[in-house]
PDB file of N, CA and C in Angstrom:
ATOM      1  N   MET A   1      12.214 -34.235  17.685  1.00  0.00           N
ATOM      2  CA  MET A   1      11.490 -34.820  16.588  1.00  0.00           C
ATOM      3  C   MET A   1      11.848 -34.089  15.294  1.00  0.00           C
ATOM      4  N   THR A   2      12.064 -34.813  14.243  1.00  0.00           N
ATOM      5  CA  THR A   2      12.387 -34.246  12.944  1.00  0.00           C
ATOM      6  C   THR A   2      11.100 -33.947  12.185  1.00  0.00           C
ATOM      7  N   HIS A   3      11.042 -32.763  11.576  1.00  0.00           N
ATOM      8  CA  HIS A   3       9.881 -32.357  10.784  1.00  0.00           C
ATOM      9  C   HIS A   3      10.320 -32.177   9.343  1.00  0.00           C
ATOM     10  N   LYS A   4       9.475 -32.595   8.419  1.00  0.00           N
ATOM     11  CA  LYS A   4       9.746 -32.383   7.002  1.00  0.00           C
ATOM     12  C   LYS A   4       8.560 -31.658   6.404  1.00  0.00           C
ATOM     13  N   ASN A   5       8.866 -30.643   5.601  1.00  0.00           N
ATOM     14  CA  ASN A   5       7.838 -29.914   4.882  1.00  0.00           C
ATOM     15  C   ASN A   5       8.489 -29.306   3.657  1.00  0.00           C
ATOM     16  N   ASN A   6       7.729 -28.594   2.855  1.00  0.00           N
ATOM     17  CA  ASN A   6       8.258 -28.013   1.629  1.00  0.00           C
ATOM     18  C   ASN A   6       7.866 -26.544   1.575  1.00  0.00           C
ATOM     19  N   LEU A   7       8.867 -25.660   1.383  1.00  0.00           N
ATOM     20  CA  LEU A   7       8.614 -24.226   1.343  1.00  0.00           C
ATOM     21  C   LEU A   7       7.684 -23.827   0.203  1.00  0.00           C
ATOM     22  N   PHE A   8       7.623 -24.638  -0.853  1.00  0.00           N
ATOM     23  CA  PHE A   8       6.809 -24.298  -2.021  1.00  0.00           C
ATOM     24  C   PHE A   8       5.424 -24.934  -1.984  1.00  0.00           C
ATOM     25  N   SER A   9       5.122 -25.695  -0.941  1.00  0.00           N
ATOM     26  CA  SER A   9       3.798 -26.286  -0.791  1.00  0.00           C
ATOM     27  C   SER A   9       2.841 -25.186  -0.338  1.00  0.00           C
ATOM     28  N   LEU A  10       1.861 -24.872  -1.177  1.00  0.00           N
ATOM     29  CA  LEU A  10       0.955 -23.756  -0.901  1.00  0.00           C
ATOM     30  C   LEU A  10      -0.370 -24.252  -0.342  1.00  0.00           C
ATOM     31  N   PRO A  11      -0.982 -23.474   0.548  1.00  0.00           N
ATOM     32  CA  PRO A  11      -2.308 -23.829   1.042  1.00  0.00           C
ATOM     33  C   PRO A  11      -3.301 -23.850  -0.132  1.00  0.00           C
ATOM     34  N   ASP A  12      -4.256 -24.763  -0.085  1.00  0.00           N
ATOM     35  CA  ASP A  12      -5.258 -24.845  -1.142  1.00  0.00           C
ATOM     36  C   ASP A  12      -6.639 -24.832  -0.497  1.00  0.00           C
ATOM     37  N   PRO A  13      -7.411 -23.805  -0.699  1.00  0.00           N
ATOM     38  CA  PRO A  13      -7.155 -22.658  -1.574  1.00  0.00           C
ATOM     39  C   PRO A  13      -6.229 -21.650  -0.891  1.00  0.00           C
ATOM     40  N   LEU A  14      -5.618 -20.785  -1.700  1.00  0.00           N
ATOM     41  CA  LEU A  14      -4.782 -19.727  -1.145  1.00  0.00           C
ATOM     42  C   LEU A  14      -5.655 -18.772  -0.335  1.00  0.00           C
ATOM     43  N   PRO A  15      -5.195 -18.370   0.841  1.00  0.00           N
ATOM     44  CA  PRO A  15      -5.998 -17.442   1.645  1.00  0.00           C
ATOM     45  C   PRO A  15      -6.057 -16.062   0.989  1.00  0.00           C
ATOM     46  N   GLU A  16      -7.119 -15.316   1.281  1.00  0.00           N
ATOM     47  CA  GLU A  16      -7.246 -13.958   0.745  1.00  0.00           C
ATOM     48  C   GLU A  16      -6.267 -13.004   1.423  1.00  0.00           C
ATOM     49  N   GLU A  17      -5.932 -13.291   2.674  1.00  0.00           N
ATOM     50  CA  GLU A  17      -4.971 -12.473   3.422  1.00  0.00           C
ATOM     51  C   GLU A  17      -3.575 -13.052   3.246  1.00  0.00           C
ATOM     52  N   GLU A  18      -2.571 -12.224   3.485  1.00  0.00           N
ATOM     53  CA  GLU A  18      -1.197 -12.708   3.453  1.00  0.00           C
ATOM     54  C   GLU A  18      -1.056 -13.806   4.508  1.00  0.00           C
ATOM     55  N   PHE A  19      -0.294 -14.845   4.188  1.00  0.00           N
ATOM     56  CA  PHE A  19      -0.169 -16.037   5.028  1.00  0.00           C
ATOM     57  C   PHE A  19       1.207 -16.040   5.685  1.00  0.00           C
ATOM     58  N   PHE A  20       1.249 -16.132   7.012  1.00  0.00           N
ATOM     59  CA  PHE A  20       2.498 -16.170   7.775  1.00  0.00           C
ATOM     60  C   PHE A  20       2.575 -17.503   8.500  1.00  0.00           C
ATOM     61  N   GLU A  21       3.727 -18.160   8.390  1.00  0.00           N
ATOM     62  CA  GLU A  21       3.918 -19.457   9.050  1.00  0.00           C
ATOM     63  C   GLU A  21       5.251 -19.447   9.796  1.00  0.00           C
ATOM     64  N   ASP A  22       5.196 -19.597  11.113  1.00  0.00           N
ATOM     65  CA  ASP A  22       6.401 -19.646  11.941  1.00  0.00           C
ATOM     66  C   ASP A  22       7.014 -21.034  11.796  1.00  0.00           C
ATOM     67  N   LEU A  23       8.222 -21.103  11.233  1.00  0.00           N
ATOM     68  CA  LEU A  23       8.861 -22.389  10.967  1.00  0.00           C
ATOM     69  C   LEU A  23       9.670 -22.918  12.143  1.00  0.00           C
ATOM     70  N   MET A  24      10.010 -22.063  13.101  1.00  0.00           N
ATOM     71  CA  MET A  24      10.815 -22.486  14.251  1.00  0.00           C
ATOM     72  C   MET A  24      10.210 -21.919  15.539  1.00  0.00           C
ATOM     73  N   PRO A  25       9.027 -22.382  15.929  1.00  0.00           N
ATOM     74  CA  PRO A  25       8.436 -21.849  17.160  1.00  0.00           C
ATOM     75  C   PRO A  25       9.351 -22.110  18.360  1.00  0.00           C
ATOM     76  N   ASP A  26       9.289 -21.236  19.320  1.00  0.00           N
ATOM     77  CA  ASP A  26      10.065 -21.369  20.557  1.00  0.00           C
ATOM     78  C   ASP A  26      11.563 -21.274  20.331  1.00  0.00           C
ATOM     79  N   SER A  27      11.983 -20.555  19.284  1.00  0.00           N
ATOM     80  CA  SER A  27      13.407 -20.356  19.005  1.00  0.00           C
ATOM     81  C   SER A  27      13.769 -18.909  19.321  1.00  0.00           C
ATOM     82  N   SER A  28      15.040 -18.644  19.603  1.00  0.00           N
ATOM     83  CA  SER A  28      15.475 -17.272  19.869  1.00  0.00           C
ATOM     84  C   SER A  28      15.549 -16.449  18.587  1.00  0.00           C
ATOM     85  N   VAL A  29      15.571 -17.124  17.443  1.00  0.00           N
ATOM     86  CA  VAL A  29      15.535 -16.462  16.139  1.00  0.00           C
ATOM     87  C   VAL A  29      14.226 -16.857  15.476  1.00  0.00           C
ATOM     88  N   ARG A  30      13.499 -15.867  14.961  1.00  0.00           N
ATOM     89  CA  ARG A  30      12.216 -16.164  14.309  1.00  0.00           C
ATOM     90  C   ARG A  30      12.449 -16.408  12.819  1.00  0.00           C
ATOM     91  N   ILE A  31      12.047 -17.577  12.338  1.00  0.00           N
ATOM     92  CA  ILE A  31      12.129 -17.930  10.928  1.00  0.00           C
ATOM     93  C   ILE A  31      10.705 -18.159  10.446  1.00  0.00           C
ATOM     94  N   GLU A  32      10.309 -17.427   9.415  1.00  0.00           N
ATOM     95  CA  GLU A  32       8.946 -17.582   8.940  1.00  0.00           C
ATOM     96  C   GLU A  32       8.873 -17.640   7.424  1.00  0.00           C
ATOM     97  N   ARG A  33       7.853 -18.342   6.977  1.00  0.00           N
ATOM     98  CA  ARG A  33       7.511 -18.374   5.554  1.00  0.00           C
ATOM     99  C   ARG A  33       6.299 -17.470   5.397  1.00  0.00           C
ATOM    100  N   ILE A  34       6.348 -16.644   4.364  1.00  0.00           N
ATOM    101  CA  ILE A  34       5.249 -15.731   4.085  1.00  0.00           C
ATOM    102  C   ILE A  34       4.801 -15.990   2.650  1.00  0.00           C
ATOM    103  N   ILE A  35       3.492 -16.058   2.440  1.00  0.00           N
ATOM    104  CA  ILE A  35       2.946 -16.208   1.100  1.00  0.00           C
ATOM    105  C   ILE A  35       2.089 -14.987   0.820  1.00  0.00           C
ATOM    106  N   SER A  36       2.432 -14.267  -0.251  1.00  0.00           N
ATOM    107  CA  SER A  36       1.702 -13.069  -0.656  1.00  0.00           C
ATOM    108  C   SER A  36       1.093 -13.299  -2.021  1.00  0.00           C
ATOM    109  N   THR A  37      -0.127 -12.844  -2.194  1.00  0.00           N
ATOM    110  CA  THR A  37      -0.809 -12.964  -3.480  1.00  0.00           C
ATOM    111  C   THR A  37      -1.390 -11.602  -3.844  1.00  0.00           C
ATOM    112  N   GLY A  38      -0.493 -10.650  -4.079  1.00  0.00           N
ATOM    113  CA  GLY A  38      -0.915  -9.307  -4.447  1.00  0.00           C
ATOM    114  C   GLY A  38      -1.058  -8.359  -3.278  1.00  0.00           C
ATOM    115  N   GLN A  39      -0.904  -8.833  -2.048  1.00  0.00           N
ATOM    116  CA  GLN A  39      -1.048  -7.952  -0.886  1.00  0.00           C
ATOM    117  C   GLN A  39       0.125  -6.969  -0.824  1.00  0.00           C
ATOM    118  N   VAL A  40      -0.163  -5.774  -0.333  1.00  0.00           N
ATOM    119  CA  VAL A  40       0.849  -4.741  -0.128  1.00  0.00           C
ATOM    120  C   VAL A  40       0.591  -4.085   1.222  1.00  0.00           C
ATOM    121  N   THR A  41       1.578  -3.354   1.706  1.00  0.00           N
ATOM    122  CA  THR A  41       1.389  -2.556   2.919  1.00  0.00           C
ATOM    123  C   THR A  41       0.501  -1.368   2.541  1.00  0.00           C
ATOM    124  N   PRO A  42      -0.521  -1.079   3.314  1.00  0.00           N
ATOM    125  CA  PRO A  42      -1.415   0.033   2.966  1.00  0.00           C
ATOM    126  C   PRO A  42      -0.651   1.360   2.805  1.00  0.00           C
ATOM    127  N   PRO A  43      -1.118   2.225   1.886  1.00  0.00           N
ATOM    128  CA  PRO A  43      -0.461   3.528   1.694  1.00  0.00           C
ATOM    129  C   PRO A  43      -0.349   4.285   3.015  1.00  0.00           C
ATOM    130  N   GLY A  44       0.800   4.918   3.222  1.00  0.00           N
ATOM    131  CA  GLY A  44       1.030   5.701   4.432  1.00  0.00           C
ATOM    132  C   GLY A  44       1.425   4.887   5.649  1.00  0.00           C
ATOM    133  N   VAL A  45       1.395   3.551   5.549  1.00  0.00           N
ATOM    134  CA  VAL A  45       1.795   2.687   6.671  1.00  0.00           C
ATOM    135  C   VAL A  45       3.232   2.234   6.429  1.00  0.00           C
ATOM    136  N   TRP A  46       4.052   2.329   7.470  1.00  0.00           N
ATOM    137  CA  TRP A  46       5.451   1.902   7.387  1.00  0.00           C
ATOM    138  C   TRP A  46       5.706   0.817   8.405  1.00  0.00           C
ATOM    139  N   LEU A  47       6.403  -0.231   7.983  1.00  0.00           N
ATOM    140  CA  LEU A  47       6.802  -1.314   8.878  1.00  0.00           C
ATOM    141  C   LEU A  47       8.135  -0.941   9.506  1.00  0.00           C
ATOM    142  N   LYS A  48       8.337  -1.328  10.749  1.00  0.00           N
ATOM    143  CA  LYS A  48       9.600  -1.049  11.442  1.00  0.00           C
ATOM    144  C   LYS A  48       9.803  -2.146  12.460  1.00  0.00           C
ATOM    145  N   GLU A  49      10.671  -3.091  12.144  1.00  0.00           N
ATOM    146  CA  GLU A  49      10.935  -4.233  13.028  1.00  0.00           C
ATOM    147  C   GLU A  49      11.896  -3.838  14.148  1.00  0.00           C
ATOM    148  N   GLU A  50      11.733  -4.472  15.284  1.00  0.00           N
ATOM    149  CA  GLU A  50      12.635  -4.247  16.418  1.00  0.00           C
ATOM    150  C   GLU A  50      13.963  -4.978  16.247  1.00  0.00           C
ATOM    151  N   SER A  51      14.007  -5.949  15.340  1.00  0.00           N
ATOM    152  CA  SER A  51      15.234  -6.708  15.100  1.00  0.00           C
ATOM    153  C   SER A  51      15.574  -6.657  13.614  1.00  0.00           C
ATOM    154  N   ASP A  52      16.783  -7.074  13.279  1.00  0.00           N
ATOM    155  CA  ASP A  52      17.174  -7.169  11.874  1.00  0.00           C
ATOM    156  C   ASP A  52      16.275  -8.185  11.182  1.00  0.00           C
ATOM    157  N   GLU A  53      16.095  -8.000   9.881  1.00  0.00           N
ATOM    158  CA  GLU A  53      15.250  -8.912   9.119  1.00  0.00           C
ATOM    159  C   GLU A  53      15.959  -9.260   7.807  1.00  0.00           C
ATOM    160  N   TRP A  54      16.315 -10.541   7.666  1.00  0.00           N
ATOM    161  CA  TRP A  54      16.882 -11.059   6.421  1.00  0.00           C
ATOM    162  C   TRP A  54      15.730 -11.693   5.668  1.00  0.00           C
ATOM    163  N   VAL A  55      15.518 -11.240   4.430  1.00  0.00           N
ATOM    164  CA  VAL A  55      14.364 -11.703   3.664  1.00  0.00           C
ATOM    165  C   VAL A  55      14.827 -12.170   2.292  1.00  0.00           C
ATOM    166  N   SER A  56      14.379 -13.371   1.913  1.00  0.00           N
ATOM    167  CA  SER A  56      14.653 -13.894   0.576  1.00  0.00           C
ATOM    168  C   SER A  56      13.323 -14.147  -0.120  1.00  0.00           C
ATOM    169  N   LEU A  57      13.244 -13.746  -1.382  1.00  0.00           N
ATOM    170  CA  LEU A  57      12.060 -14.025  -2.186  1.00  0.00           C
ATOM    171  C   LEU A  57      12.351 -15.301  -2.968  1.00  0.00           C
ATOM    172  N   LEU A  58      11.672 -16.377  -2.621  1.00  0.00           N
ATOM    173  CA  LEU A  58      11.924 -17.676  -3.238  1.00  0.00           C
ATOM    174  C   LEU A  58      11.150 -17.861  -4.532  1.00  0.00           C
ATOM    175  N   GLN A  59      10.037 -17.141  -4.661  1.00  0.00           N
ATOM    176  CA  GLN A  59       9.187 -17.272  -5.844  1.00  0.00           C
ATOM    177  C   GLN A  59       8.429 -15.969  -6.036  1.00  0.00           C
ATOM    178  N   GLY A  60       8.195 -15.582  -7.279  1.00  0.00           N
ATOM    179  CA  GLY A  60       7.418 -14.387  -7.587  1.00  0.00           C
ATOM    180  C   GLY A  60       8.304 -13.168  -7.761  1.00  0.00           C
ATOM    181  N   ARG A  61       7.662 -12.003  -7.782  1.00  0.00           N
ATOM    182  CA  ARG A  61       8.354 -10.719  -7.872  1.00  0.00           C
ATOM    183  C   ARG A  61       7.699  -9.762  -6.881  1.00  0.00           C
ATOM    184  N   ALA A  62       8.513  -8.878  -6.309  1.00  0.00           N
ATOM    185  CA  ALA A  62       7.993  -7.944  -5.309  1.00  0.00           C
ATOM    186  C   ALA A  62       8.841  -6.681  -5.318  1.00  0.00           C
ATOM    187  N   VAL A  63       8.312  -5.640  -4.712  1.00  0.00           N
ATOM    188  CA  VAL A  63       9.039  -4.382  -4.556  1.00  0.00           C
ATOM    189  C   VAL A  63       8.944  -3.965  -3.090  1.00  0.00           C
ATOM    190  N   ILE A  64      10.098  -3.671  -2.501  1.00  0.00           N
ATOM    191  CA  ILE A  64      10.169  -3.120  -1.145  1.00  0.00           C
ATOM    192  C   ILE A  64      10.506  -1.645  -1.288  1.00  0.00           C
ATOM    193  N   GLU A  65       9.761  -0.797  -0.600  1.00  0.00           N
ATOM    194  CA  GLU A  65      10.004   0.647  -0.626  1.00  0.00           C
ATOM    195  C   GLU A  65      10.490   1.082   0.746  1.00  0.00           C
ATOM    196  N   TYR A  66      11.541   1.900   0.757  1.00  0.00           N
ATOM    197  CA  TYR A  66      12.055   2.463   1.996  1.00  0.00           C
ATOM    198  C   TYR A  66      11.517   3.874   2.156  1.00  0.00           C
ATOM    199  N   GLU A  67      11.466   4.363   3.379  1.00  0.00           N
ATOM    200  CA  GLU A  67      10.876   5.668   3.673  1.00  0.00           C
ATOM    201  C   GLU A  67      11.497   6.789   2.845  1.00  0.00           C
ATOM    202  N   GLU A  68      12.774   6.692   2.536  1.00  0.00           N
ATOM    203  CA  GLU A  68      13.430   7.749   1.747  1.00  0.00           C
ATOM    204  C   GLU A  68      13.101   7.611   0.261  1.00  0.00           C
ATOM    205  N   GLN A  69      12.055   6.857  -0.077  1.00  0.00           N
ATOM    206  CA  GLN A  69      11.523   6.677  -1.428  1.00  0.00           C
ATOM    207  C   GLN A  69      12.428   5.841  -2.333  1.00  0.00           C
ATOM    208  N   ARG A  70      13.353   5.090  -1.743  1.00  0.00           N
ATOM    209  CA  ARG A  70      14.162   4.158  -2.531  1.00  0.00           C
ATOM    210  C   ARG A  70      13.380   2.863  -2.672  1.00  0.00           C
ATOM    211  N   MET A  71      13.337   2.343  -3.900  1.00  0.00           N
ATOM    212  CA  MET A  71      12.618   1.103  -4.188  1.00  0.00           C
ATOM    213  C   MET A  71      13.633   0.010  -4.508  1.00  0.00           C
ATOM    214  N   VAL A  72      13.366  -1.205  -4.002  1.00  0.00           N
ATOM    215  CA  VAL A  72      14.202  -2.359  -4.301  1.00  0.00           C
ATOM    216  C   VAL A  72      13.304  -3.417  -4.937  1.00  0.00           C
ATOM    217  N   GLU A  73      13.586  -3.733  -6.202  1.00  0.00           N
ATOM    218  CA  GLU A  73      12.829  -4.771  -6.893  1.00  0.00           C
ATOM    219  C   GLU A  73      13.461  -6.122  -6.594  1.00  0.00           C
ATOM    220  N   LEU A  74      12.629  -7.081  -6.227  1.00  0.00           N
ATOM    221  CA  LEU A  74      13.111  -8.419  -5.898  1.00  0.00           C
ATOM    222  C   LEU A  74      12.519  -9.425  -6.873  1.00  0.00           C
ATOM    223  N   GLU A  75      13.357 -10.339  -7.319  1.00  0.00           N
ATOM    224  CA  GLU A  75      12.931 -11.455  -8.154  1.00  0.00           C
ATOM    225  C   GLU A  75      13.334 -12.740  -7.458  1.00  0.00           C
ATOM    226  N   ARG A  76      12.866 -13.843  -7.978  1.00  0.00           N
ATOM    227  CA  ARG A  76      13.146 -15.164  -7.402  1.00  0.00           C
ATOM    228  C   ARG A  76      14.627 -15.310  -7.076  1.00  0.00           C
ATOM    229  N   GLY A  77      14.911 -15.653  -5.835  1.00  0.00           N
ATOM    230  CA  GLY A  77      16.283 -15.884  -5.387  1.00  0.00           C
ATOM    231  C   GLY A  77      16.959 -14.674  -4.772  1.00  0.00           C
ATOM    232  N   ASP A  78      16.402 -13.471  -4.955  1.00  0.00           N
ATOM    233  CA  ASP A  78      17.004 -12.271  -4.367  1.00  0.00           C
ATOM    234  C   ASP A  78      16.773 -12.251  -2.861  1.00  0.00           C
ATOM    235  N   TRP A  79      17.706 -11.633  -2.141  1.00  0.00           N
ATOM    236  CA  TRP A  79      17.530 -11.447  -0.703  1.00  0.00           C
ATOM    237  C   TRP A  79      18.037 -10.072  -0.309  1.00  0.00           C
ATOM    238  N   ILE A  80      17.502  -9.569   0.805  1.00  0.00           N
ATOM    239  CA  ILE A  80      17.917  -8.278   1.347  1.00  0.00           C
ATOM    240  C   ILE A  80      18.024  -8.401   2.865  1.00  0.00           C
ATOM    241  N   LEU A  81      18.816  -7.513   3.445  1.00  0.00           N
ATOM    242  CA  LEU A  81      18.903  -7.386   4.896  1.00  0.00           C
ATOM    243  C   LEU A  81      18.327  -6.027   5.256  1.00  0.00           C
ATOM    244  N   ILE A  82      17.275  -6.039   6.047  1.00  0.00           N
ATOM    245  CA  ILE A  82      16.650  -4.801   6.494  1.00  0.00           C
ATOM    246  C   ILE A  82      17.056  -4.601   7.950  1.00  0.00           C
ATOM    247  N   PRO A  83      17.921  -3.606   8.213  1.00  0.00           N
ATOM    248  CA  PRO A  83      18.361  -3.384   9.593  1.00  0.00           C
ATOM    249  C   PRO A  83      17.191  -3.040  10.514  1.00  0.00           C
ATOM    250  N   ALA A  84      17.342  -3.386  11.776  1.00  0.00           N
ATOM    251  CA  ALA A  84      16.327  -3.064  12.782  1.00  0.00           C
ATOM    252  C   ALA A  84      15.986  -1.577  12.716  1.00  0.00           C
ATOM    253  N   HIS A  85      14.725  -1.242  12.937  1.00  0.00           N
ATOM    254  CA  HIS A  85      14.206   0.126  13.012  1.00  0.00           C
ATOM    255  C   HIS A  85      14.199   0.858  11.672  1.00  0.00           C
ATOM    256  N   THR A  86      14.416   0.156  10.567  1.00  0.00           N
ATOM    257  CA  THR A  86      14.379   0.774   9.240  1.00  0.00           C
ATOM    258  C   THR A  86      12.933   0.795   8.751  1.00  0.00           C
ATOM    259  N   ARG A  87      12.421   1.971   8.459  1.00  0.00           N
ATOM    260  CA  ARG A  87      11.041   2.090   7.985  1.00  0.00           C
ATOM    261  C   ARG A  87      10.963   1.656   6.525  1.00  0.00           C
ATOM    262  N   HIS A  88      10.072   0.697   6.264  1.00  0.00           N
ATOM    263  CA  HIS A  88       9.924   0.141   4.924  1.00  0.00           C
ATOM    264  C   HIS A  88       8.492  -0.358   4.742  1.00  0.00           C
ATOM    265  N   ARG A  89       8.155  -0.665   3.493  1.00  0.00           N
ATOM    266  CA  ARG A  89       6.828  -1.202   3.200  1.00  0.00           C
ATOM    267  C   ARG A  89       6.915  -2.099   1.980  1.00  0.00           C
ATOM    268  N   VAL A  90       5.969  -3.014   1.853  1.00  0.00           N
ATOM    269  CA  VAL A  90       5.872  -3.855   0.667  1.00  0.00           C
ATOM    270  C   VAL A  90       5.006  -3.091  -0.323  1.00  0.00           C
ATOM    271  N   ALA A  91       5.602  -2.676  -1.454  1.00  0.00           N
ATOM    272  CA  ALA A  91       4.898  -1.847  -2.432  1.00  0.00           C
ATOM    273  C   ALA A  91       4.158  -2.682  -3.471  1.00  0.00           C
ATOM    274  N   SER A  92       4.655  -3.895  -3.771  1.00  0.00           N
ATOM    275  CA  SER A  92       3.929  -4.763  -4.706  1.00  0.00           C
ATOM    276  C   SER A  92       4.385  -6.206  -4.540  1.00  0.00           C
ATOM    277  N   THR A  93       3.459  -7.118  -4.833  1.00  0.00           N
ATOM    278  CA  THR A  93       3.756  -8.556  -4.886  1.00  0.00           C
ATOM    279  C   THR A  93       2.944  -9.150  -6.032  1.00  0.00           C
ATOM    280  N   THR A  94       3.479 -10.180  -6.654  1.00  0.00           N
ATOM    281  CA  THR A  94       2.757 -10.820  -7.747  1.00  0.00           C
ATOM    282  C   THR A  94       1.681 -11.758  -7.209  1.00  0.00           C
ATOM    283  N   VAL A  95       0.629 -11.893  -8.019  1.00  0.00           N
ATOM    284  CA  VAL A  95      -0.441 -12.836  -7.722  1.00  0.00           C
ATOM    285  C   VAL A  95      -0.104 -14.190  -8.333  1.00  0.00           C
ATOM    286  N   GLU A  96       0.402 -14.152  -9.551  1.00  0.00           N
ATOM    287  CA  GLU A  96       0.751 -15.378 -10.275  1.00  0.00           C
ATOM    288  C   GLU A  96       2.156 -15.239 -10.831  1.00  0.00           C
ATOM    289  N   PRO A  97       3.141 -15.937 -10.325  1.00  0.00           N
ATOM    290  CA  PRO A  97       2.993 -16.876  -9.221  1.00  0.00           C
ATOM    291  C   PRO A  97       2.910 -16.134  -7.892  1.00  0.00           C
ATOM    292  N   PRO A  98       2.327 -16.777  -6.891  1.00  0.00           N
ATOM    293  CA  PRO A  98       2.322 -16.168  -5.561  1.00  0.00           C
ATOM    294  C   PRO A  98       3.761 -15.954  -5.083  1.00  0.00           C
ATOM    295  N   CYS A  99       3.953 -14.925  -4.292  1.00  0.00           N
ATOM    296  CA  CYS A  99       5.274 -14.693  -3.693  1.00  0.00           C
ATOM    297  C   CYS A  99       5.446 -15.633  -2.508  1.00  0.00           C
ATOM    298  N   VAL A 100       6.566 -16.313  -2.476  1.00  0.00           N
ATOM    299  CA  VAL A 100       6.934 -17.138  -1.326  1.00  0.00           C
ATOM    300  C   VAL A 100       8.208 -16.522  -0.755  1.00  0.00           C
ATOM    301  N   TRP A 101       8.119 -16.061   0.471  1.00  0.00           N
ATOM    302  CA  TRP A 101       9.224 -15.401   1.160  1.00  0.00           C
ATOM    303  C   TRP A 101       9.751 -16.304   2.271  1.00  0.00           C
ATOM    304  N   LEU A 102      11.045 -16.177   2.560  1.00  0.00           N
ATOM    305  CA  LEU A 102      11.637 -16.763   3.748  1.00  0.00           C
ATOM    306  C   LEU A 102      12.245 -15.600   4.514  1.00  0.00           C
ATOM    307  N   ALA A 103      11.814 -15.402   5.763  1.00  0.00           N
ATOM    308  CA  ALA A 103      12.281 -14.276   6.558  1.00  0.00           C
ATOM    309  C   ALA A 103      12.884 -14.785   7.863  1.00  0.00           C
ATOM    310  N   ILE A 104      14.029 -14.220   8.200  1.00  0.00           N
ATOM    311  CA  ILE A 104      14.695 -14.539   9.464  1.00  0.00           C
ATOM    312  C   ILE A 104      14.841 -13.240  10.243  1.00  0.00           C
ATOM    313  N   HIS A 105      14.320 -13.238  11.480  1.00  0.00           N
ATOM    314  CA  HIS A 105      14.328 -12.066  12.339  1.00  0.00           C
ATOM    315  C   HIS A 105      15.227 -12.343  13.545  1.00  0.00           C
ATOM    316  N   GLY A 106      16.088 -11.401  13.862  1.00  0.00           N
ATOM    317  CA  GLY A 106      16.943 -11.542  15.033  1.00  0.00           C
ATOM    318  C   GLY A 106      18.110 -10.591  14.943  1.00  0.00           C
ATOM    319  N   LYS A 107      19.065 -10.752  15.815  1.00  0.00           N
ATOM    320  CA  LYS A 107      20.284  -9.941  15.750  1.00  0.00           C
ATOM    321  C   LYS A 107      21.175 -10.610  14.724  1.00  0.00           C
ATOM    322  N   LEU A 108      21.162 -10.062  13.500  1.00  0.00           N
ATOM    323  CA  LEU A 108      21.870 -10.686  12.395  1.00  0.00           C
ATOM    324  C   LEU A 108      23.139  -9.937  12.025  1.00  0.00           C
ATOM    325  N   ARG A 109      23.405  -8.824  12.673  1.00  0.00           N
ATOM    326  CA  ARG A 109      24.601  -8.027  12.388  1.00  0.00           C
ATOM    327  C   ARG A 109      25.357  -7.762  13.686  1.00  0.00           C
ATOM    328  N   ASN A 110      26.629  -7.452  13.554  1.00  0.00           N
ATOM    329  CA  ASN A 110      27.423  -7.053  14.732  1.00  0.00           C
ATOM    330  C   ASN A 110      27.270  -5.585  14.981  1.00  0.00           C
TER     331      ASN A 110
END
């Protein structure tokens, strides 16, 4: 069955928590849309995925911080590849406009 939707269609009202939507359930590669409205990773908490993570910021502005204190500023259209097991955190996201992310998780590198 063919599905049609729009990555920029936002829930109304926007949820208070960060919104995660699995776009390809039951697939060997996880593709998700994430909507952030000012949410960040709590101080002292580090994210570490078991698989590679390709992330594109489709709307808004955000900052990703790596454990070695390197910051990467992202604007609309920017993308990054976060290798598996890399400790990182979301340091900031814009409220207006909300951040719309597209993330692909899986073995993305050789």
